[in-house]
Amino acid sequence: MIVLENVTKCLAVSKQKKRMPVLRQLSLHISAGEFVYITGSSGAGKSTLLKLLYKELSPDQGEVYVGQYPLSQLRKKDLPYFRRRIGVVFQDFRLLPNMTVEENLAYALDAVGTPPEVMDRRITQVLKLVGLSHRRHAVELSGGEAQRVAIARGVINQPKLLLADEPTGNLDAKNAFQILRLLERIHRKGVTVVVTTHNDALLHRFPHRVITLEKGLILSDR
């Protein structure tokens, strides 16, 4: 499902715009159907790794494979199709505040040309999955509710891979646990789930494979 081969990525990390390696000759393999945490301190390279997987960034060296795609060979015109097969959940939710929950989800479906009859069914299914009402506006939601909508949006196109970047970073412990239970429920449906986090309590409460990064290197994989 996911393979990184000797991947190095440099980014400007100072006011002088000096480019420094954020990931250093990183190699890893994540099989289809796994649930994997990517953990490590701030600056370890967690978010950069996820951005490589949905091709917001490209490596300076090495190759990234997602499914059957060597991403270096992915043509620009094929990028939207590739991204439809991946769900992404962001820490800051990225919901459209003046839209209802249903409208936020419909927007994601409309962007990929989903027929109206399919759209209604999908929205009903994912709202049942996350346990929310469709009529509320995004600005009315609590942090935990907003993250559940963000997850619903991430899975509404029925991806085989879900990437969640610090999905509990802005939540209290109770809501964080609820989000992890939801991600595990999605995983049990056959979705490969990759979660970045620095919350050790989640790793102990919901044990799965843990890849720990430090200064762009894999410190441990267990």
N, C-alpha and C. Protein backbone atom coordinates (compact mmCIF):
# COMPACT_ATOMS: atom_id res chain seq x y z
N MET A 1 0.83 -1.21 0.00
CA MET A 1 0.00 0.00 0.00
C MET A 1 0.87 1.26 0.00
N ILE A 2 1.79 1.37 0.98
CA ILE A 2 2.68 2.54 1.06
C ILE A 2 4.11 2.06 1.17
N VAL A 3 4.96 2.58 0.31
CA VAL A 3 6.39 2.28 0.38
C VAL A 3 7.17 3.58 0.20
N LEU A 4 8.11 3.83 1.09
CA LEU A 4 9.09 4.90 0.92
C LEU A 4 10.45 4.27 0.78
N GLU A 5 11.19 4.68 -0.25
CA GLU A 5 12.52 4.14 -0.51
C GLU A 5 13.55 5.26 -0.47
N ASN A 6 14.34 5.28 0.62
CA ASN A 6 15.45 6.24 0.76
C ASN A 6 15.01 7.68 0.47
N VAL A 7 13.93 8.09 1.13
CA VAL A 7 13.34 9.40 0.88
C VAL A 7 14.01 10.47 1.73
N THR A 8 14.46 11.52 1.06
CA THR A 8 14.97 12.71 1.72
C THR A 8 14.13 13.90 1.28
N LYS A 9 13.73 14.74 2.24
CA LYS A 9 12.99 15.96 1.93
C LYS A 9 13.57 17.10 2.73
N CYS A 10 13.94 18.18 2.02
CA CYS A 10 14.48 19.37 2.67
C CYS A 10 13.45 20.50 2.58
N LEU A 11 13.36 21.28 3.65
CA LEU A 11 12.46 22.43 3.69
C LEU A 11 13.19 23.61 4.30
N ALA A 12 12.71 24.81 3.98
CA ALA A 12 13.24 26.02 4.60
C ALA A 12 12.72 26.09 6.03
N VAL A 13 13.62 26.04 6.99
CA VAL A 13 13.20 25.94 8.39
C VAL A 13 13.70 27.11 9.24
N SER A 14 14.18 28.17 8.62
CA SER A 14 14.67 29.31 9.38
C SER A 14 14.32 30.59 8.64
N LYS A 15 14.49 31.73 9.33
CA LYS A 15 14.20 33.02 8.72
C LYS A 15 15.12 33.28 7.53
N GLN A 16 16.28 32.67 7.53
CA GLN A 16 17.21 32.82 6.41
C GLN A 16 16.85 31.93 5.22
N LYS A 17 15.74 31.18 5.35
CA LYS A 17 15.26 30.30 4.29
C LYS A 17 16.26 29.20 3.93
N LYS A 18 17.12 28.89 4.86
CA LYS A 18 18.08 27.82 4.61
C LYS A 18 17.35 26.48 4.61
N ARG A 19 17.58 25.70 3.56
CA ARG A 19 16.91 24.40 3.45
C ARG A 19 17.67 23.35 4.25
N MET A 20 16.91 22.66 5.09
CA MET A 20 17.48 21.62 5.93
C MET A 20 16.69 20.33 5.73
N PRO A 21 17.34 19.18 5.89
CA PRO A 21 16.61 17.91 5.73
C PRO A 21 15.61 17.69 6.87
N VAL A 22 14.35 17.50 6.49
CA VAL A 22 13.30 17.18 7.46
C VAL A 22 13.10 15.68 7.55
N LEU A 23 13.26 14.99 6.42
CA LEU A 23 13.30 13.53 6.37
C LEU A 23 14.62 13.13 5.73
N ARG A 24 15.28 12.10 6.29
CA ARG A 24 16.63 11.73 5.85
C ARG A 24 16.68 10.26 5.44
N GLN A 25 16.77 10.01 4.16
CA GLN A 25 16.92 8.66 3.62
C GLN A 25 15.97 7.68 4.31
N LEU A 26 14.72 8.07 4.37
CA LEU A 26 13.70 7.31 5.10
C LEU A 26 13.16 6.18 4.23
N SER A 27 13.13 4.99 4.79
CA SER A 27 12.54 3.83 4.10
C SER A 27 11.55 3.16 5.05
N LEU A 28 10.35 2.87 4.55
CA LEU A 28 9.36 2.15 5.36
C LEU A 28 8.33 1.51 4.44
N HIS A 29 7.59 0.57 5.02
CA HIS A 29 6.54 -0.14 4.28
C HIS A 29 5.32 -0.27 5.18
N ILE A 30 4.17 0.14 4.66
CA ILE A 30 2.89 -0.01 5.37
C ILE A 30 1.98 -0.83 4.47
N SER A 31 1.53 -1.97 4.98
CA SER A 31 0.69 -2.87 4.18
C SER A 31 -0.76 -2.40 4.16
N ALA A 32 -1.47 -2.82 3.13
CA ALA A 32 -2.90 -2.53 3.04
C ALA A 32 -3.61 -3.12 4.26
N GLY A 33 -4.50 -2.34 4.86
CA GLY A 33 -5.28 -2.81 6.00
C GLY A 33 -4.65 -2.55 7.35
N GLU A 34 -3.46 -1.94 7.40
CA GLU A 34 -2.82 -1.64 8.69
C GLU A 34 -3.40 -0.37 9.30
N PHE A 35 -3.24 -0.25 10.61
CA PHE A 35 -3.47 0.98 11.37
C PHE A 35 -2.12 1.35 11.96
N VAL A 36 -1.59 2.50 11.58
CA VAL A 36 -0.22 2.87 11.96
C VAL A 36 -0.20 4.28 12.53
N TYR A 37 0.47 4.42 13.67
CA TYR A 37 0.76 5.74 14.22
C TYR A 37 2.13 6.19 13.74
N ILE A 38 2.25 7.47 13.37
CA ILE A 38 3.54 8.11 13.15
C ILE A 38 3.70 9.11 14.28
N THR A 39 4.68 8.89 15.13
CA THR A 39 4.83 9.74 16.31
C THR A 39 6.24 10.31 16.37
N GLY A 40 6.42 11.24 17.29
CA GLY A 40 7.71 11.91 17.45
C GLY A 40 7.48 13.33 17.90
N SER A 41 8.53 13.99 18.32
CA SER A 41 8.42 15.35 18.82
C SER A 41 8.15 16.32 17.68
N SER A 42 7.82 17.57 18.01
CA SER A 42 7.61 18.60 17.01
C SER A 42 8.87 18.76 16.16
N GLY A 43 8.70 18.79 14.84
CA GLY A 43 9.84 18.92 13.95
C GLY A 43 10.47 17.61 13.55
N ALA A 44 9.89 16.49 14.00
CA ALA A 44 10.48 15.17 13.69
C ALA A 44 10.25 14.76 12.24
N GLY A 45 9.25 15.39 11.57
CA GLY A 45 8.97 15.06 10.18
C GLY A 45 7.64 14.37 9.95
N LYS A 46 6.77 14.33 10.98
CA LYS A 46 5.50 13.59 10.87
C LYS A 46 4.60 14.16 9.78
N SER A 47 4.33 15.46 9.86
CA SER A 47 3.42 16.07 8.89
C SER A 47 4.02 16.08 7.49
N THR A 48 5.32 16.27 7.41
CA THR A 48 5.99 16.23 6.10
C THR A 48 5.81 14.87 5.45
N LEU A 49 5.91 13.82 6.24
CA LEU A 49 5.71 12.47 5.72
C LEU A 49 4.31 12.31 5.13
N LEU A 50 3.29 12.77 5.85
CA LEU A 50 1.93 12.67 5.33
C LEU A 50 1.76 13.49 4.06
N LYS A 51 2.35 14.67 4.01
CA LYS A 51 2.23 15.51 2.82
C LYS A 51 2.86 14.86 1.60
N LEU A 52 3.89 14.06 1.81
CA LEU A 52 4.46 13.30 0.70
C LEU A 52 3.49 12.24 0.20
N LEU A 53 2.71 11.67 1.13
CA LEU A 53 1.80 10.58 0.75
C LEU A 53 0.61 11.06 -0.06
N TYR A 54 0.13 12.29 0.20
CA TYR A 54 -0.96 12.80 -0.65
C TYR A 54 -0.45 13.84 -1.65
N LYS A 55 0.86 13.88 -1.81
CA LYS A 55 1.55 14.65 -2.84
C LYS A 55 1.29 16.14 -2.77
N GLU A 56 1.20 16.67 -1.56
CA GLU A 56 1.30 18.11 -1.40
C GLU A 56 2.77 18.52 -1.54
N LEU A 57 3.67 17.60 -1.15
CA LEU A 57 5.11 17.78 -1.33
C LEU A 57 5.66 16.61 -2.13
N SER A 58 6.82 16.83 -2.74
CA SER A 58 7.54 15.76 -3.44
C SER A 58 8.91 15.61 -2.82
N PRO A 59 9.46 14.40 -2.78
CA PRO A 59 10.77 14.20 -2.17
C PRO A 59 11.88 14.81 -3.03
N ASP A 60 12.95 15.21 -2.37
CA ASP A 60 14.15 15.67 -3.09
C ASP A 60 14.96 14.48 -3.60
N GLN A 61 14.90 13.39 -2.86
CA GLN A 61 15.56 12.15 -3.26
C GLN A 61 14.67 10.99 -2.87
N GLY A 62 14.82 9.87 -3.57
CA GLY A 62 14.07 8.67 -3.24
C GLY A 62 12.72 8.62 -3.94
N GLU A 63 11.95 7.60 -3.60
CA GLU A 63 10.66 7.37 -4.25
C GLU A 63 9.60 7.04 -3.22
N VAL A 64 8.39 7.53 -3.49
CA VAL A 64 7.21 7.25 -2.67
C VAL A 64 6.20 6.50 -3.53
N TYR A 65 5.71 5.38 -3.01
CA TYR A 65 4.67 4.60 -3.69
C TYR A 65 3.42 4.60 -2.80
N VAL A 66 2.28 4.87 -3.40
CA VAL A 66 1.00 4.72 -2.72
C VAL A 66 0.12 3.86 -3.61
N GLY A 67 -0.26 2.69 -3.13
CA GLY A 67 -0.92 1.73 -3.99
C GLY A 67 0.04 1.30 -5.08
N GLN A 68 -0.39 1.40 -6.31
CA GLN A 68 0.46 1.04 -7.45
C GLN A 68 1.18 2.24 -8.04
N TYR A 69 1.01 3.41 -7.41
CA TYR A 69 1.56 4.63 -7.98
C TYR A 69 2.97 4.92 -7.48
N PRO A 70 4.00 4.97 -8.37
CA PRO A 70 5.23 5.66 -8.00
C PRO A 70 4.95 7.15 -8.20
N LEU A 71 4.90 7.91 -7.12
CA LEU A 71 4.35 9.26 -7.21
C LEU A 71 5.19 10.20 -8.06
N SER A 72 6.47 9.88 -8.26
CA SER A 72 7.29 10.72 -9.13
C SER A 72 6.82 10.66 -10.58
N GLN A 73 6.11 9.61 -10.94
CA GLN A 73 5.63 9.44 -12.31
C GLN A 73 4.17 9.87 -12.48
N LEU A 74 3.57 10.36 -11.40
CA LEU A 74 2.17 10.76 -11.47
C LEU A 74 2.05 12.08 -12.23
N ARG A 75 1.29 12.08 -13.30
CA ARG A 75 1.12 13.29 -14.10
C ARG A 75 0.18 14.27 -13.40
N LYS A 76 0.42 15.55 -13.66
CA LYS A 76 -0.37 16.59 -13.00
C LYS A 76 -1.86 16.40 -13.25
N LYS A 77 -2.22 16.00 -14.46
CA LYS A 77 -3.65 15.85 -14.78
C LYS A 77 -4.28 14.67 -14.04
N ASP A 78 -3.43 13.73 -13.56
CA ASP A 78 -3.95 12.56 -12.84
C ASP A 78 -4.00 12.77 -11.33
N LEU A 79 -3.47 13.91 -10.86
CA LEU A 79 -3.40 14.15 -9.42
C LEU A 79 -4.79 14.20 -8.76
N PRO A 80 -5.79 14.88 -9.34
CA PRO A 80 -7.12 14.87 -8.70
C PRO A 80 -7.69 13.46 -8.56
N TYR A 81 -7.52 12.62 -9.57
CA TYR A 81 -8.02 11.24 -9.50
C TYR A 81 -7.30 10.48 -8.40
N PHE A 82 -5.98 10.66 -8.31
CA PHE A 82 -5.20 10.00 -7.26
C PHE A 82 -5.70 10.41 -5.88
N ARG A 83 -5.95 11.70 -5.68
CA ARG A 83 -6.34 12.20 -4.36
C ARG A 83 -7.75 11.78 -3.98
N ARG A 84 -8.58 11.45 -4.95
CA ARG A 84 -9.92 10.95 -4.62
C ARG A 84 -9.85 9.62 -3.89
N ARG A 85 -8.77 8.91 -4.09
CA ARG A 85 -8.62 7.58 -3.48
C ARG A 85 -8.01 7.65 -2.09
N ILE A 86 -7.71 8.86 -1.64
CA ILE A 86 -7.10 9.06 -0.33
C ILE A 86 -7.96 10.03 0.47
N GLY A 87 -8.27 9.68 1.71
CA GLY A 87 -8.94 10.61 2.61
C GLY A 87 -7.90 11.28 3.50
N VAL A 88 -8.05 12.60 3.69
CA VAL A 88 -7.10 13.34 4.53
C VAL A 88 -7.89 14.11 5.58
N VAL A 89 -7.45 13.99 6.83
CA VAL A 89 -8.07 14.68 7.96
C VAL A 89 -7.02 15.59 8.57
N PHE A 90 -7.37 16.89 8.70
CA PHE A 90 -6.42 17.88 9.20
C PHE A 90 -6.73 18.26 10.64
N GLN A 91 -5.70 18.68 11.35
CA GLN A 91 -5.86 19.07 12.75
C GLN A 91 -6.79 20.27 12.89
N ASP A 92 -6.74 21.20 11.92
CA ASP A 92 -7.54 22.42 12.01
C ASP A 92 -8.88 22.30 11.27
N PHE A 93 -9.29 21.08 10.98
CA PHE A 93 -10.62 20.73 10.45
C PHE A 93 -10.82 21.14 8.98
N ARG A 94 -10.58 22.42 8.68
CA ARG A 94 -10.73 22.97 7.32
C ARG A 94 -12.15 22.79 6.77
N LEU A 95 -13.12 23.05 7.65
CA LEU A 95 -14.52 23.04 7.22
C LEU A 95 -14.90 24.42 6.69
N LEU A 96 -15.92 24.47 5.84
CA LEU A 96 -16.45 25.74 5.34
C LEU A 96 -17.46 26.25 6.36
N PRO A 97 -17.13 27.33 7.10
CA PRO A 97 -17.88 27.70 8.30
C PRO A 97 -19.33 28.11 8.05
N ASN A 98 -19.63 28.68 6.89
CA ASN A 98 -20.98 29.16 6.64
C ASN A 98 -21.90 28.11 6.03
N MET A 99 -21.38 26.89 5.91
CA MET A 99 -22.18 25.79 5.38
C MET A 99 -22.61 24.86 6.50
N THR A 100 -23.70 24.15 6.27
CA THR A 100 -24.10 23.11 7.22
C THR A 100 -23.16 21.92 7.09
N VAL A 101 -23.31 21.01 8.04
CA VAL A 101 -22.54 19.76 7.98
C VAL A 101 -22.81 19.05 6.65
N GLU A 102 -24.08 18.94 6.28
CA GLU A 102 -24.44 18.25 5.04
C GLU A 102 -23.82 18.95 3.83
N GLU A 103 -23.84 20.28 3.82
CA GLU A 103 -23.29 21.02 2.68
C GLU A 103 -21.78 20.85 2.58
N ASN A 104 -21.10 20.78 3.71
CA ASN A 104 -19.66 20.52 3.69
C ASN A 104 -19.36 19.17 3.04
N LEU A 105 -20.15 18.17 3.38
CA LEU A 105 -19.94 16.84 2.81
C LEU A 105 -20.33 16.80 1.34
N ALA A 106 -21.43 17.47 1.00
CA ALA A 106 -21.87 17.51 -0.40
C ALA A 106 -20.84 18.20 -1.28
N TYR A 107 -20.18 19.21 -0.73
CA TYR A 107 -19.15 19.93 -1.49
C TYR A 107 -18.03 18.99 -1.90
N ALA A 108 -17.62 18.13 -0.97
CA ALA A 108 -16.55 17.16 -1.27
C ALA A 108 -16.99 16.16 -2.34
N LEU A 109 -18.26 15.76 -2.30
CA LEU A 109 -18.77 14.81 -3.29
C LEU A 109 -18.96 15.47 -4.65
N ASP A 110 -19.48 16.70 -4.63
CA ASP A 110 -19.72 17.41 -5.88
C ASP A 110 -18.42 17.67 -6.63
N ALA A 111 -17.34 17.88 -5.88
CA ALA A 111 -16.04 18.17 -6.50
C ALA A 111 -15.54 17.02 -7.37
N VAL A 112 -16.01 15.81 -7.10
CA VAL A 112 -15.57 14.65 -7.89
C VAL A 112 -16.70 14.13 -8.79
N GLY A 113 -17.77 14.94 -8.94
CA GLY A 113 -18.82 14.59 -9.88
C GLY A 113 -19.75 13.48 -9.44
N THR A 114 -19.99 13.37 -8.14
CA THR A 114 -20.88 12.32 -7.63
C THR A 114 -22.34 12.61 -8.00
N PRO A 115 -23.08 11.66 -8.55
CA PRO A 115 -24.49 11.88 -8.88
C PRO A 115 -25.31 12.19 -7.62
N PRO A 116 -26.36 13.02 -7.74
CA PRO A 116 -27.16 13.42 -6.57
C PRO A 116 -27.71 12.26 -5.77
N GLU A 117 -28.18 11.21 -6.44
CA GLU A 117 -28.77 10.08 -5.70
C GLU A 117 -27.71 9.34 -4.88
N VAL A 118 -26.49 9.26 -5.41
CA VAL A 118 -25.39 8.64 -4.67
C VAL A 118 -24.95 9.56 -3.54
N MET A 119 -24.94 10.86 -3.80
CA MET A 119 -24.54 11.85 -2.82
C MET A 119 -25.39 11.75 -1.55
N ASP A 120 -26.70 11.71 -1.72
CA ASP A 120 -27.60 11.64 -0.57
C ASP A 120 -27.34 10.38 0.26
N ARG A 121 -27.15 9.26 -0.40
CA ARG A 121 -26.91 8.00 0.30
C ARG A 121 -25.58 8.04 1.06
N ARG A 122 -24.54 8.55 0.42
CA ARG A 122 -23.23 8.61 1.07
C ARG A 122 -23.26 9.52 2.30
N ILE A 123 -23.91 10.67 2.16
CA ILE A 123 -23.97 11.61 3.29
C ILE A 123 -24.68 10.97 4.47
N THR A 124 -25.79 10.31 4.21
CA THR A 124 -26.52 9.62 5.28
C THR A 124 -25.65 8.57 5.95
N GLN A 125 -24.91 7.81 5.15
CA GLN A 125 -24.05 6.75 5.69
C GLN A 125 -22.95 7.30 6.59
N VAL A 126 -22.25 8.34 6.14
CA VAL A 126 -21.12 8.83 6.93
C VAL A 126 -21.58 9.59 8.16
N LEU A 127 -22.72 10.27 8.08
CA LEU A 127 -23.22 10.95 9.27
C LEU A 127 -23.66 9.95 10.33
N LYS A 128 -24.22 8.84 9.90
CA LYS A 128 -24.55 7.77 10.85
C LYS A 128 -23.27 7.22 11.47
N LEU A 129 -22.22 7.08 10.65
CA LEU A 129 -20.94 6.57 11.14
C LEU A 129 -20.37 7.46 12.23
N VAL A 130 -20.41 8.78 12.02
CA VAL A 130 -19.79 9.70 12.99
C VAL A 130 -20.78 10.21 14.03
N GLY A 131 -22.07 9.90 13.87
CA GLY A 131 -23.06 10.25 14.89
C GLY A 131 -23.39 11.71 14.98
N LEU A 132 -23.64 12.37 13.82
CA LEU A 132 -23.94 13.80 13.82
C LEU A 132 -25.18 14.10 12.99
N SER A 133 -25.81 15.24 13.30
CA SER A 133 -26.94 15.74 12.52
C SER A 133 -26.43 16.54 11.33
N HIS A 134 -27.15 16.47 10.23
CA HIS A 134 -26.69 17.11 8.99
C HIS A 134 -27.04 18.58 8.90
N ARG A 135 -27.96 19.10 9.71
CA ARG A 135 -28.47 20.45 9.51
C ARG A 135 -27.67 21.53 10.24
N ARG A 136 -26.85 21.16 11.18
CA ARG A 136 -26.12 22.16 11.95
C ARG A 136 -25.04 22.81 11.10
N HIS A 137 -24.76 24.09 11.37
CA HIS A 137 -23.69 24.79 10.66
C HIS A 137 -22.34 24.48 11.31
N ALA A 138 -21.30 24.54 10.51
CA ALA A 138 -19.96 24.21 11.00
C ALA A 138 -19.54 25.10 12.16
N VAL A 139 -19.96 26.38 12.13
CA VAL A 139 -19.56 27.31 13.19
C VAL A 139 -20.20 26.96 14.53
N GLU A 140 -21.24 26.14 14.53
CA GLU A 140 -21.94 25.78 15.77
C GLU A 140 -21.35 24.55 16.44
N LEU A 141 -20.38 23.91 15.79
CA LEU A 141 -19.87 22.64 16.28
C LEU A 141 -18.79 22.83 17.33
N SER A 142 -18.73 21.92 18.29
CA SER A 142 -17.60 21.86 19.21
C SER A 142 -16.38 21.32 18.47
N GLY A 143 -15.22 21.37 19.12
CA GLY A 143 -14.02 20.85 18.49
C GLY A 143 -14.12 19.38 18.13
N GLY A 144 -14.67 18.59 19.05
CA GLY A 144 -14.81 17.17 18.79
C GLY A 144 -15.78 16.89 17.66
N GLU A 145 -16.89 17.66 17.62
CA GLU A 145 -17.87 17.48 16.54
C GLU A 145 -17.28 17.89 15.20
N ALA A 146 -16.55 19.01 15.18
CA ALA A 146 -15.93 19.47 13.94
C ALA A 146 -14.94 18.44 13.40
N GLN A 147 -14.20 17.80 14.31
CA GLN A 147 -13.26 16.79 13.84
C GLN A 147 -13.98 15.57 13.30
N ARG A 148 -15.12 15.23 13.88
CA ARG A 148 -15.89 14.11 13.35
C ARG A 148 -16.43 14.42 11.95
N VAL A 149 -16.82 15.67 11.72
CA VAL A 149 -17.24 16.06 10.37
C VAL A 149 -16.05 15.98 9.41
N ALA A 150 -14.89 16.43 9.88
CA ALA A 150 -13.69 16.36 9.03
C ALA A 150 -13.36 14.92 8.66
N ILE A 151 -13.55 14.00 9.61
CA ILE A 151 -13.33 12.58 9.32
C ILE A 151 -14.39 12.07 8.34
N ALA A 152 -15.64 12.48 8.56
CA ALA A 152 -16.71 12.09 7.62
C ALA A 152 -16.37 12.55 6.21
N ARG A 153 -15.89 13.77 6.09
CA ARG A 153 -15.49 14.28 4.77
C ARG A 153 -14.33 13.47 4.20
N GLY A 154 -13.42 13.05 5.08
CA GLY A 154 -12.27 12.28 4.64
C GLY A 154 -12.62 10.91 4.09
N VAL A 155 -13.72 10.33 4.56
CA VAL A 155 -14.07 8.97 4.12
C VAL A 155 -15.26 8.94 3.17
N ILE A 156 -15.83 10.11 2.86
CA ILE A 156 -17.09 10.10 2.10
C ILE A 156 -16.91 9.61 0.67
N ASN A 157 -15.70 9.73 0.13
CA ASN A 157 -15.44 9.20 -1.21
C ASN A 157 -14.94 7.76 -1.17
N GLN A 158 -15.11 7.12 -0.01
CA GLN A 158 -14.80 5.70 0.17
C GLN A 158 -13.35 5.36 -0.20
N PRO A 159 -12.39 6.07 0.42
CA PRO A 159 -10.99 5.80 0.11
C PRO A 159 -10.52 4.49 0.72
N LYS A 160 -9.46 3.95 0.16
CA LYS A 160 -8.80 2.78 0.74
C LYS A 160 -7.75 3.19 1.77
N LEU A 161 -7.38 4.48 1.75
CA LEU A 161 -6.34 4.99 2.65
C LEU A 161 -6.83 6.27 3.29
N LEU A 162 -6.73 6.35 4.63
CA LEU A 162 -7.09 7.55 5.37
C LEU A 162 -5.86 8.05 6.11
N LEU A 163 -5.49 9.32 5.86
CA LEU A 163 -4.35 9.96 6.52
C LEU A 163 -4.90 11.01 7.47
N ALA A 164 -4.54 10.92 8.74
CA ALA A 164 -5.04 11.86 9.75
C ALA A 164 -3.85 12.54 10.42
N ASP A 165 -3.72 13.85 10.21
CA ASP A 165 -2.58 14.62 10.72
C ASP A 165 -2.96 15.26 12.05
N GLU A 166 -2.47 14.69 13.14
CA GLU A 166 -2.75 15.19 14.50
C GLU A 166 -4.25 15.41 14.70
N PRO A 167 -5.09 14.41 14.46
CA PRO A 167 -6.54 14.63 14.52
C PRO A 167 -7.07 14.93 15.91
N THR A 168 -6.27 14.67 16.94
CA THR A 168 -6.72 14.94 18.32
C THR A 168 -5.94 16.08 18.95
N GLY A 169 -5.13 16.77 18.16
CA GLY A 169 -4.23 17.78 18.71
C GLY A 169 -4.92 18.93 19.40
N ASN A 170 -6.15 19.27 18.97
CA ASN A 170 -6.88 20.40 19.56
C ASN A 170 -8.00 19.95 20.49
N LEU A 171 -7.98 18.68 20.90
CA LEU A 171 -9.11 18.13 21.65
C LEU A 171 -8.70 17.71 23.06
N ASP A 172 -9.68 17.71 23.97
CA ASP A 172 -9.43 17.18 25.31
C ASP A 172 -9.40 15.66 25.26
N ALA A 173 -9.05 15.04 26.39
CA ALA A 173 -8.84 13.59 26.40
C ALA A 173 -10.10 12.82 26.01
N LYS A 174 -11.26 13.25 26.52
CA LYS A 174 -12.51 12.54 26.22
C LYS A 174 -12.80 12.54 24.72
N ASN A 175 -12.69 13.72 24.10
CA ASN A 175 -12.96 13.82 22.67
C ASN A 175 -11.88 13.12 21.85
N ALA A 176 -10.64 13.17 22.34
CA ALA A 176 -9.55 12.47 21.64
C ALA A 176 -9.83 10.97 21.58
N PHE A 177 -10.28 10.40 22.69
CA PHE A 177 -10.59 8.97 22.72
C PHE A 177 -11.75 8.65 21.77
N GLN A 178 -12.75 9.54 21.72
CA GLN A 178 -13.88 9.31 20.81
C GLN A 178 -13.42 9.30 19.36
N ILE A 179 -12.50 10.20 19.02
CA ILE A 179 -11.98 10.25 17.65
C ILE A 179 -11.21 8.98 17.32
N LEU A 180 -10.42 8.48 18.26
CA LEU A 180 -9.68 7.24 17.99
C LEU A 180 -10.62 6.05 17.84
N ARG A 181 -11.68 6.01 18.64
CA ARG A 181 -12.66 4.93 18.47
C ARG A 181 -13.28 4.99 17.08
N LEU A 182 -13.55 6.20 16.61
CA LEU A 182 -14.12 6.37 15.28
C LEU A 182 -13.13 5.92 14.20
N LEU A 183 -11.86 6.28 14.35
CA LEU A 183 -10.85 5.85 13.38
C LEU A 183 -10.70 4.33 13.37
N GLU A 184 -10.78 3.72 14.54
CA GLU A 184 -10.72 2.25 14.60
C GLU A 184 -11.94 1.62 13.92
N ARG A 185 -13.11 2.24 14.07
CA ARG A 185 -14.30 1.73 13.40
C ARG A 185 -14.12 1.78 11.88
N ILE A 186 -13.55 2.87 11.39
CA ILE A 186 -13.27 3.00 9.95
C ILE A 186 -12.25 1.95 9.52
N HIS A 187 -11.25 1.74 10.34
CA HIS A 187 -10.21 0.74 10.03
C HIS A 187 -10.82 -0.65 9.91
N ARG A 188 -11.78 -0.97 10.76
CA ARG A 188 -12.41 -2.29 10.71
C ARG A 188 -13.21 -2.52 9.43
N LYS A 189 -13.49 -1.45 8.71
CA LYS A 189 -14.18 -1.56 7.42
C LYS A 189 -13.20 -1.84 6.28
N GLY A 190 -11.93 -2.03 6.62
CA GLY A 190 -10.94 -2.37 5.60
C GLY A 190 -10.10 -1.22 5.11
N VAL A 191 -10.20 -0.06 5.75
CA VAL A 191 -9.44 1.11 5.34
C VAL A 191 -8.07 1.11 6.03
N THR A 192 -7.02 1.37 5.27
CA THR A 192 -5.70 1.58 5.86
C THR A 192 -5.68 2.96 6.51
N VAL A 193 -5.26 3.03 7.77
CA VAL A 193 -5.30 4.29 8.52
C VAL A 193 -3.89 4.63 9.00
N VAL A 194 -3.46 5.87 8.71
CA VAL A 194 -2.17 6.37 9.18
C VAL A 194 -2.44 7.66 9.94
N VAL A 195 -2.02 7.69 11.21
CA VAL A 195 -2.32 8.80 12.11
C VAL A 195 -1.02 9.37 12.66
N THR A 196 -0.79 10.67 12.50
CA THR A 196 0.32 11.30 13.20
C THR A 196 -0.18 11.80 14.55
N THR A 197 0.63 11.64 15.58
CA THR A 197 0.25 12.08 16.91
C THR A 197 1.48 12.20 17.79
N HIS A 198 1.37 13.05 18.82
CA HIS A 198 2.39 13.09 19.87
C HIS A 198 1.75 12.75 21.22
N ASN A 199 0.54 12.18 21.17
CA ASN A 199 -0.22 11.86 22.38
C ASN A 199 0.05 10.42 22.79
N ASP A 200 0.92 10.23 23.76
CA ASP A 200 1.28 8.87 24.19
C ASP A 200 0.10 8.12 24.79
N ALA A 201 -0.84 8.85 25.40
CA ALA A 201 -2.00 8.19 26.01
C ALA A 201 -2.81 7.42 24.96
N LEU A 202 -2.89 7.96 23.76
CA LEU A 202 -3.62 7.28 22.69
C LEU A 202 -2.93 5.99 22.29
N LEU A 203 -1.60 6.02 22.26
CA LEU A 203 -0.85 4.84 21.85
C LEU A 203 -1.06 3.68 22.81
N HIS A 204 -1.22 4.00 24.10
CA HIS A 204 -1.42 2.95 25.10
C HIS A 204 -2.88 2.50 25.14
N ARG A 205 -3.80 3.44 24.97
CA ARG A 205 -5.23 3.11 25.06
C ARG A 205 -5.71 2.37 23.81
N PHE A 206 -5.14 2.72 22.66
CA PHE A 206 -5.54 2.12 21.38
C PHE A 206 -4.30 1.60 20.67
N PRO A 207 -3.76 0.47 21.11
CA PRO A 207 -2.47 0.00 20.60
C PRO A 207 -2.52 -0.48 19.15
N HIS A 208 -1.58 0.03 18.37
CA HIS A 208 -1.36 -0.39 16.99
C HIS A 208 0.13 -0.21 16.71
N ARG A 209 0.52 -0.50 15.50
CA ARG A 209 1.92 -0.29 15.10
C ARG A 209 2.30 1.18 15.28
N VAL A 210 3.49 1.41 15.82
CA VAL A 210 3.97 2.77 16.08
C VAL A 210 5.32 2.97 15.41
N ILE A 211 5.40 3.93 14.50
CA ILE A 211 6.67 4.33 13.90
C ILE A 211 7.06 5.67 14.51
N THR A 212 8.19 5.70 15.20
CA THR A 212 8.64 6.91 15.87
C THR A 212 9.75 7.57 15.06
N LEU A 213 9.55 8.86 14.76
CA LEU A 213 10.55 9.63 14.02
C LEU A 213 11.32 10.53 14.98
N GLU A 214 12.58 10.74 14.67
CA GLU A 214 13.40 11.70 15.39
C GLU A 214 14.38 12.32 14.41
N LYS A 215 14.25 13.64 14.24
CA LYS A 215 15.11 14.39 13.32
C LYS A 215 15.11 13.78 11.92
N GLY A 216 13.92 13.35 11.49
CA GLY A 216 13.78 12.85 10.13
C GLY A 216 14.20 11.42 9.91
N LEU A 217 14.55 10.72 10.97
CA LEU A 217 14.95 9.32 10.88
C LEU A 217 13.97 8.46 11.67
N ILE A 218 13.88 7.18 11.31
CA ILE A 218 13.05 6.26 12.09
C ILE A 218 13.84 5.81 13.32
N LEU A 219 13.35 6.23 14.49
CA LEU A 219 13.98 5.85 15.74
C LEU A 219 13.56 4.45 16.15
N SER A 220 12.28 4.12 15.94
CA SER A 220 11.79 2.77 16.26
C SER A 220 10.56 2.47 15.43
N ASP A 221 10.28 1.18 15.26
CA ASP A 221 9.12 0.71 14.51
C ASP A 221 8.65 -0.56 15.21
N ARG A 222 7.54 -0.45 15.92
CA ARG A 222 7.11 -1.58 16.75
C ARG A 222 5.59 -1.78 16.68
